[in-house]
Amino acid sequence: RRLQSFAVKQILYCRSSSNENQSKKLDKDLNENLFELVEFKQLLNQSDFVIITCSLNDYTRNLFNSNTFKQMKYGDCILINTARGGIVDQNALYDALISGQILAAVWICRSSPLQLSPTFANRRRMSIDMLQ
């Protein structure tokens, strides 16, 4: 609703709408043309921003991996993970950022305090060494 004044096209992928309350809310918002329901691949291909808001479970663990990043808009997409860190494969994210596949990412880490995968940790050390 907040984005309507900016004339932003909003698309949504929802794997499961079995919850009756959720289904009613989706139907109401669809009727008001707040967004369009699409398949996951279509969401990845068309989105400038992909915002992850799902729970972490067996289906979603590492859902965002090298194959997923390759389906996103090359060089233009920003990934925002407001859900669990385990949904994003950190090594694949690193590769997608370094290669320019995705423009940027903001995500919640798998554990607190921050524990980066070895790939990210080594890159961070290299960056710090370069600054000194």
N, C-alpha and C. Protein backbone atom coordinates (compact mmCIF):
# COMPACT_ATOMS: atom_id res chain seq x y z
N ARG A 1 0.82 -1.20 0.00
CA ARG A 1 0.00 0.00 0.00
C ARG A 1 0.86 1.26 0.00
N ARG A 2 1.98 1.21 0.73
CA ARG A 2 2.84 2.39 0.83
C ARG A 2 3.52 2.72 -0.49
N LEU A 3 3.73 1.73 -1.33
CA LEU A 3 4.43 1.96 -2.60
C LEU A 3 3.49 2.43 -3.71
N GLN A 4 2.19 2.39 -3.51
CA GLN A 4 1.24 2.74 -4.57
C GLN A 4 1.48 4.14 -5.10
N SER A 5 1.79 5.09 -4.26
CA SER A 5 1.96 6.46 -4.72
C SER A 5 3.19 6.62 -5.61
N PHE A 6 4.10 5.65 -5.59
CA PHE A 6 5.29 5.70 -6.44
C PHE A 6 5.09 4.96 -7.76
N ALA A 7 3.91 4.42 -7.98
CA ALA A 7 3.58 3.67 -9.20
C ALA A 7 4.55 2.52 -9.45
N VAL A 8 4.91 1.82 -8.39
CA VAL A 8 5.80 0.68 -8.47
C VAL A 8 4.98 -0.56 -8.79
N LYS A 9 5.44 -1.31 -9.78
CA LYS A 9 4.79 -2.59 -10.08
C LYS A 9 5.25 -3.59 -9.03
N GLN A 10 4.32 -4.15 -8.31
CA GLN A 10 4.65 -5.10 -7.25
C GLN A 10 4.20 -6.49 -7.66
N ILE A 11 5.15 -7.42 -7.61
CA ILE A 11 4.82 -8.80 -7.89
C ILE A 11 5.17 -9.63 -6.66
N LEU A 12 4.47 -10.73 -6.49
CA LEU A 12 4.60 -11.53 -5.29
C LEU A 12 4.60 -13.00 -5.66
N TYR A 13 5.51 -13.73 -5.05
CA TYR A 13 5.49 -15.19 -5.14
C TYR A 13 5.12 -15.70 -3.76
N CYS A 14 4.13 -16.56 -3.71
CA CYS A 14 3.70 -17.15 -2.43
C CYS A 14 3.54 -18.64 -2.66
N ARG A 15 4.50 -19.40 -2.14
CA ARG A 15 4.48 -20.86 -2.36
C ARG A 15 3.26 -21.50 -1.73
N SER A 16 2.88 -21.01 -0.58
CA SER A 16 1.78 -21.64 0.13
C SER A 16 0.84 -20.59 0.68
N SER A 17 -0.40 -20.69 0.31
CA SER A 17 -1.42 -19.82 0.89
C SER A 17 -2.51 -20.67 1.51
N SER A 18 -2.10 -21.75 2.19
CA SER A 18 -3.06 -22.68 2.78
C SER A 18 -3.72 -22.11 4.04
N ASN A 19 -3.06 -21.16 4.68
CA ASN A 19 -3.64 -20.53 5.85
C ASN A 19 -4.84 -19.70 5.41
N GLU A 20 -6.00 -19.95 6.01
CA GLU A 20 -7.24 -19.29 5.59
C GLU A 20 -7.16 -17.78 5.72
N ASN A 21 -6.61 -17.28 6.82
CA ASN A 21 -6.48 -15.83 7.00
C ASN A 21 -5.56 -15.22 5.95
N GLN A 22 -4.46 -15.92 5.66
CA GLN A 22 -3.53 -15.43 4.66
C GLN A 22 -4.20 -15.41 3.28
N SER A 23 -4.96 -16.45 2.96
CA SER A 23 -5.66 -16.50 1.67
C SER A 23 -6.63 -15.35 1.52
N LYS A 24 -7.38 -15.04 2.57
CA LYS A 24 -8.34 -13.93 2.53
C LYS A 24 -7.61 -12.60 2.31
N LYS A 25 -6.49 -12.41 3.00
CA LYS A 25 -5.71 -11.18 2.85
C LYS A 25 -5.16 -11.08 1.43
N LEU A 26 -4.62 -12.17 0.89
CA LEU A 26 -4.11 -12.16 -0.47
C LEU A 26 -5.23 -11.84 -1.47
N ASP A 27 -6.38 -12.46 -1.30
CA ASP A 27 -7.52 -12.20 -2.19
C ASP A 27 -7.93 -10.74 -2.14
N LYS A 28 -7.99 -10.16 -0.94
CA LYS A 28 -8.39 -8.76 -0.78
C LYS A 28 -7.39 -7.84 -1.48
N ASP A 29 -6.09 -8.08 -1.25
CA ASP A 29 -5.06 -7.24 -1.85
C ASP A 29 -5.01 -7.43 -3.37
N LEU A 30 -5.25 -8.65 -3.86
CA LEU A 30 -5.30 -8.88 -5.30
C LEU A 30 -6.46 -8.13 -5.92
N ASN A 31 -7.60 -8.14 -5.24
CA ASN A 31 -8.77 -7.43 -5.74
C ASN A 31 -8.53 -5.93 -5.80
N GLU A 32 -7.70 -5.41 -4.93
CA GLU A 32 -7.37 -3.99 -4.92
C GLU A 32 -6.19 -3.68 -5.86
N ASN A 33 -5.73 -4.69 -6.59
CA ASN A 33 -4.61 -4.54 -7.53
C ASN A 33 -3.34 -4.01 -6.88
N LEU A 34 -3.08 -4.45 -5.64
CA LEU A 34 -1.86 -4.03 -4.97
C LEU A 34 -0.64 -4.76 -5.51
N PHE A 35 -0.84 -5.96 -6.02
CA PHE A 35 0.27 -6.73 -6.58
C PHE A 35 -0.28 -7.80 -7.49
N GLU A 36 0.64 -8.44 -8.19
CA GLU A 36 0.30 -9.56 -9.08
C GLU A 36 1.02 -10.80 -8.56
N LEU A 37 0.31 -11.90 -8.43
CA LEU A 37 0.93 -13.17 -8.05
C LEU A 37 1.62 -13.77 -9.25
N VAL A 38 2.88 -14.18 -9.08
CA VAL A 38 3.65 -14.76 -10.18
C VAL A 38 4.38 -16.01 -9.69
N GLU A 39 4.92 -16.76 -10.62
CA GLU A 39 5.76 -17.91 -10.29
C GLU A 39 7.12 -17.41 -9.83
N PHE A 40 7.85 -18.25 -9.09
CA PHE A 40 9.13 -17.87 -8.51
C PHE A 40 10.13 -17.41 -9.58
N LYS A 41 10.24 -18.16 -10.66
CA LYS A 41 11.18 -17.80 -11.72
C LYS A 41 10.84 -16.44 -12.33
N GLN A 42 9.57 -16.17 -12.51
CA GLN A 42 9.13 -14.87 -13.05
C GLN A 42 9.48 -13.75 -12.09
N LEU A 43 9.31 -13.98 -10.79
CA LEU A 43 9.67 -12.98 -9.78
C LEU A 43 11.16 -12.64 -9.89
N LEU A 44 11.99 -13.68 -10.01
CA LEU A 44 13.44 -13.47 -10.11
C LEU A 44 13.81 -12.72 -11.38
N ASN A 45 13.20 -13.08 -12.50
CA ASN A 45 13.52 -12.46 -13.80
C ASN A 45 13.12 -11.00 -13.90
N GLN A 46 12.06 -10.61 -13.18
CA GLN A 46 11.48 -9.28 -13.38
C GLN A 46 11.80 -8.28 -12.28
N SER A 47 12.29 -8.73 -11.15
CA SER A 47 12.40 -7.84 -9.99
C SER A 47 13.70 -7.05 -9.94
N ASP A 48 13.59 -5.77 -9.60
CA ASP A 48 14.75 -4.95 -9.30
C ASP A 48 15.17 -5.16 -7.85
N PHE A 49 14.20 -5.41 -6.99
CA PHE A 49 14.44 -5.72 -5.59
C PHE A 49 13.75 -7.04 -5.28
N VAL A 50 14.46 -7.97 -4.69
CA VAL A 50 13.86 -9.21 -4.21
C VAL A 50 13.95 -9.16 -2.69
N ILE A 51 12.80 -9.17 -2.06
CA ILE A 51 12.73 -9.09 -0.60
C ILE A 51 12.25 -10.43 -0.07
N ILE A 52 13.09 -11.06 0.73
CA ILE A 52 12.79 -12.40 1.26
C ILE A 52 12.14 -12.24 2.63
N THR A 53 10.96 -12.83 2.79
CA THR A 53 10.23 -12.73 4.07
C THR A 53 9.68 -14.07 4.53
N CYS A 54 10.27 -15.16 4.06
CA CYS A 54 9.74 -16.49 4.39
C CYS A 54 10.42 -17.07 5.63
N SER A 55 9.85 -18.14 6.14
CA SER A 55 10.46 -18.84 7.27
C SER A 55 11.54 -19.78 6.76
N LEU A 56 12.44 -20.15 7.65
CA LEU A 56 13.50 -21.10 7.31
C LEU A 56 12.98 -22.51 7.60
N ASN A 57 12.98 -23.34 6.57
CA ASN A 57 12.58 -24.74 6.72
C ASN A 57 13.34 -25.56 5.68
N ASP A 58 13.03 -26.82 5.57
CA ASP A 58 13.75 -27.67 4.62
C ASP A 58 13.61 -27.18 3.18
N TYR A 59 12.45 -26.62 2.83
CA TYR A 59 12.23 -26.14 1.46
C TYR A 59 13.03 -24.86 1.19
N THR A 60 13.11 -23.97 2.17
CA THR A 60 13.71 -22.66 1.93
C THR A 60 15.21 -22.59 2.26
N ARG A 61 15.74 -23.60 2.94
CA ARG A 61 17.18 -23.57 3.27
C ARG A 61 18.00 -23.50 1.98
N ASN A 62 18.85 -22.48 1.88
CA ASN A 62 19.66 -22.23 0.68
C ASN A 62 18.82 -22.09 -0.59
N LEU A 63 17.59 -21.62 -0.45
CA LEU A 63 16.73 -21.38 -1.61
C LEU A 63 17.40 -20.40 -2.58
N PHE A 64 18.10 -19.43 -2.02
CA PHE A 64 18.84 -18.48 -2.85
C PHE A 64 20.27 -18.99 -2.96
N ASN A 65 20.53 -19.63 -4.09
CA ASN A 65 21.82 -20.28 -4.35
C ASN A 65 22.31 -19.83 -5.71
N SER A 66 23.36 -20.44 -6.22
CA SER A 66 23.94 -20.00 -7.50
C SER A 66 22.91 -20.08 -8.63
N ASN A 67 22.09 -21.11 -8.66
CA ASN A 67 21.07 -21.23 -9.71
C ASN A 67 20.04 -20.11 -9.61
N THR A 68 19.64 -19.79 -8.39
CA THR A 68 18.66 -18.72 -8.18
C THR A 68 19.23 -17.38 -8.62
N PHE A 69 20.47 -17.09 -8.22
CA PHE A 69 21.08 -15.81 -8.58
C PHE A 69 21.22 -15.67 -10.09
N LYS A 70 21.48 -16.75 -10.79
CA LYS A 70 21.61 -16.70 -12.25
C LYS A 70 20.29 -16.34 -12.94
N GLN A 71 19.18 -16.56 -12.27
CA GLN A 71 17.86 -16.25 -12.83
C GLN A 71 17.44 -14.80 -12.58
N MET A 72 18.18 -14.10 -11.72
CA MET A 72 17.84 -12.71 -11.40
C MET A 72 18.33 -11.77 -12.51
N LYS A 73 17.75 -10.57 -12.54
CA LYS A 73 18.14 -9.57 -13.52
C LYS A 73 19.62 -9.27 -13.36
N TYR A 74 20.40 -9.49 -14.39
CA TYR A 74 21.85 -9.36 -14.29
C TYR A 74 22.26 -7.92 -14.00
N GLY A 75 22.99 -7.76 -12.91
CA GLY A 75 23.60 -6.48 -12.56
C GLY A 75 22.67 -5.43 -12.02
N ASP A 76 21.38 -5.69 -11.97
CA ASP A 76 20.41 -4.68 -11.53
C ASP A 76 19.68 -5.02 -10.24
N CYS A 77 19.72 -6.25 -9.84
CA CYS A 77 18.87 -6.70 -8.74
C CYS A 77 19.54 -6.51 -7.37
N ILE A 78 18.75 -6.09 -6.42
CA ILE A 78 19.19 -5.96 -5.03
C ILE A 78 18.42 -6.96 -4.20
N LEU A 79 19.14 -7.78 -3.46
CA LEU A 79 18.54 -8.81 -2.61
C LEU A 79 18.46 -8.28 -1.19
N ILE A 80 17.27 -8.35 -0.60
CA ILE A 80 17.06 -7.94 0.79
C ILE A 80 16.44 -9.11 1.52
N ASN A 81 17.16 -9.63 2.49
CA ASN A 81 16.67 -10.77 3.26
C ASN A 81 16.29 -10.31 4.65
N THR A 82 15.00 -10.21 4.90
CA THR A 82 14.50 -9.85 6.23
C THR A 82 14.14 -11.09 7.03
N ALA A 83 14.39 -12.25 6.44
CA ALA A 83 14.07 -13.52 7.08
C ALA A 83 15.34 -14.10 7.70
N ARG A 84 15.50 -15.39 7.67
CA ARG A 84 16.64 -16.08 8.26
C ARG A 84 17.82 -16.13 7.30
N GLY A 85 19.03 -16.07 7.85
CA GLY A 85 20.24 -16.10 7.05
C GLY A 85 20.41 -17.38 6.27
N GLY A 86 19.93 -18.51 6.81
CA GLY A 86 20.10 -19.80 6.16
C GLY A 86 19.36 -19.95 4.85
N ILE A 87 18.52 -19.01 4.51
CA ILE A 87 17.78 -19.04 3.24
C ILE A 87 18.71 -18.68 2.08
N VAL A 88 19.78 -17.95 2.40
CA VAL A 88 20.74 -17.52 1.38
C VAL A 88 22.05 -18.28 1.55
N ASP A 89 22.50 -18.93 0.50
CA ASP A 89 23.80 -19.60 0.48
C ASP A 89 24.86 -18.50 0.41
N GLN A 90 25.63 -18.33 1.49
CA GLN A 90 26.59 -17.23 1.57
C GLN A 90 27.66 -17.31 0.49
N ASN A 91 28.14 -18.49 0.18
CA ASN A 91 29.18 -18.61 -0.85
C ASN A 91 28.63 -18.24 -2.22
N ALA A 92 27.41 -18.66 -2.51
CA ALA A 92 26.78 -18.30 -3.79
C ALA A 92 26.50 -16.80 -3.85
N LEU A 93 26.11 -16.22 -2.72
CA LEU A 93 25.88 -14.78 -2.66
C LEU A 93 27.19 -14.03 -2.95
N TYR A 94 28.25 -14.47 -2.31
CA TYR A 94 29.56 -13.85 -2.54
C TYR A 94 29.91 -13.89 -4.03
N ASP A 95 29.77 -15.06 -4.65
CA ASP A 95 30.08 -15.20 -6.07
C ASP A 95 29.21 -14.29 -6.93
N ALA A 96 27.92 -14.20 -6.59
CA ALA A 96 26.99 -13.35 -7.36
C ALA A 96 27.35 -11.87 -7.23
N LEU A 97 27.79 -11.45 -6.06
CA LEU A 97 28.20 -10.06 -5.85
C LEU A 97 29.50 -9.75 -6.59
N ILE A 98 30.49 -10.62 -6.45
CA ILE A 98 31.80 -10.41 -7.08
C ILE A 98 31.69 -10.41 -8.60
N SER A 99 30.85 -11.30 -9.15
CA SER A 99 30.71 -11.40 -10.60
C SER A 99 29.85 -10.29 -11.19
N GLY A 100 29.13 -9.56 -10.34
CA GLY A 100 28.24 -8.52 -10.83
C GLY A 100 26.86 -9.04 -11.18
N GLN A 101 26.61 -10.31 -10.89
CA GLN A 101 25.29 -10.89 -11.18
C GLN A 101 24.20 -10.11 -10.46
N ILE A 102 24.42 -9.81 -9.17
CA ILE A 102 23.48 -8.95 -8.45
C ILE A 102 24.22 -7.70 -7.99
N LEU A 103 23.50 -6.63 -7.84
CA LEU A 103 24.09 -5.33 -7.53
C LEU A 103 24.49 -5.21 -6.07
N ALA A 104 23.61 -5.67 -5.17
CA ALA A 104 23.86 -5.52 -3.74
C ALA A 104 22.99 -6.50 -2.97
N ALA A 105 23.34 -6.67 -1.69
CA ALA A 105 22.55 -7.55 -0.83
C ALA A 105 22.60 -7.05 0.60
N VAL A 106 21.48 -7.16 1.26
CA VAL A 106 21.37 -6.89 2.68
C VAL A 106 20.70 -8.12 3.26
N TRP A 107 21.32 -8.71 4.28
CA TRP A 107 20.72 -9.92 4.80
C TRP A 107 21.03 -10.11 6.27
N ILE A 108 20.20 -10.92 6.90
CA ILE A 108 20.38 -11.30 8.28
C ILE A 108 21.28 -12.52 8.30
N CYS A 109 22.25 -12.52 9.17
CA CYS A 109 23.23 -13.61 9.20
C CYS A 109 22.69 -14.82 9.94
N ARG A 110 23.34 -15.94 9.71
CA ARG A 110 22.90 -17.21 10.28
C ARG A 110 23.00 -17.25 11.79
N SER A 111 23.92 -16.54 12.36
CA SER A 111 24.09 -16.60 13.81
C SER A 111 24.51 -15.24 14.33
N SER A 112 24.37 -15.09 15.61
CA SER A 112 24.79 -13.87 16.27
C SER A 112 25.79 -14.24 17.34
N PRO A 113 26.92 -13.67 17.46
CA PRO A 113 27.42 -12.59 16.60
C PRO A 113 27.71 -13.07 15.19
N LEU A 114 27.96 -12.12 14.32
CA LEU A 114 28.18 -12.39 12.91
C LEU A 114 29.27 -13.43 12.70
N GLN A 115 28.93 -14.49 11.98
CA GLN A 115 29.90 -15.51 11.58
C GLN A 115 29.83 -15.66 10.08
N LEU A 116 30.80 -15.11 9.40
CA LEU A 116 30.83 -15.18 7.95
C LEU A 116 31.37 -16.51 7.47
N SER A 117 30.92 -16.93 6.32
CA SER A 117 31.50 -18.12 5.71
C SER A 117 32.96 -17.81 5.43
N PRO A 118 33.81 -18.84 5.28
CA PRO A 118 35.23 -18.59 5.01
C PRO A 118 35.46 -17.68 3.80
N THR A 119 34.63 -17.80 2.78
CA THR A 119 34.79 -16.98 1.58
C THR A 119 34.65 -15.50 1.92
N PHE A 120 33.59 -15.14 2.67
CA PHE A 120 33.38 -13.75 3.06
C PHE A 120 34.46 -13.31 4.04
N ALA A 121 34.81 -14.15 4.99
CA ALA A 121 35.80 -13.79 6.00
C ALA A 121 37.15 -13.50 5.34
N ASN A 122 37.58 -14.33 4.40
CA ASN A 122 38.85 -14.11 3.71
C ASN A 122 38.82 -12.84 2.89
N ARG A 123 37.71 -12.58 2.23
CA ARG A 123 37.57 -11.37 1.41
C ARG A 123 37.63 -10.13 2.31
N ARG A 124 37.01 -10.20 3.47
CA ARG A 124 37.01 -9.06 4.40
C ARG A 124 38.44 -8.79 4.86
N ARG A 125 39.19 -9.83 5.18
CA ARG A 125 40.58 -9.66 5.59
C ARG A 125 41.40 -9.04 4.48
N MET A 126 41.17 -9.48 3.25
CA MET A 126 41.90 -8.92 2.11
C MET A 126 41.58 -7.44 1.95
N SER A 127 40.32 -7.06 2.13
CA SER A 127 39.91 -5.66 1.99
C SER A 127 40.58 -4.80 3.06
N ILE A 128 40.62 -5.30 4.28
CA ILE A 128 41.24 -4.55 5.37
C ILE A 128 42.74 -4.39 5.11
N ASP A 129 43.40 -5.47 4.65
CA ASP A 129 44.82 -5.39 4.33
C ASP A 129 45.09 -4.36 3.25
N MET A 130 44.21 -4.28 2.27
CA MET A 130 44.40 -3.34 1.17
C MET A 130 44.26 -1.89 1.64
N LEU A 131 43.44 -1.66 2.65
CA LEU A 131 43.23 -0.32 3.17
C LEU A 131 44.40 0.17 4.01
N GLN A 132 45.15 -0.75 4.59
CA GLN A 132 46.23 -0.37 5.51
C GLN A 132 47.49 0.02 4.78
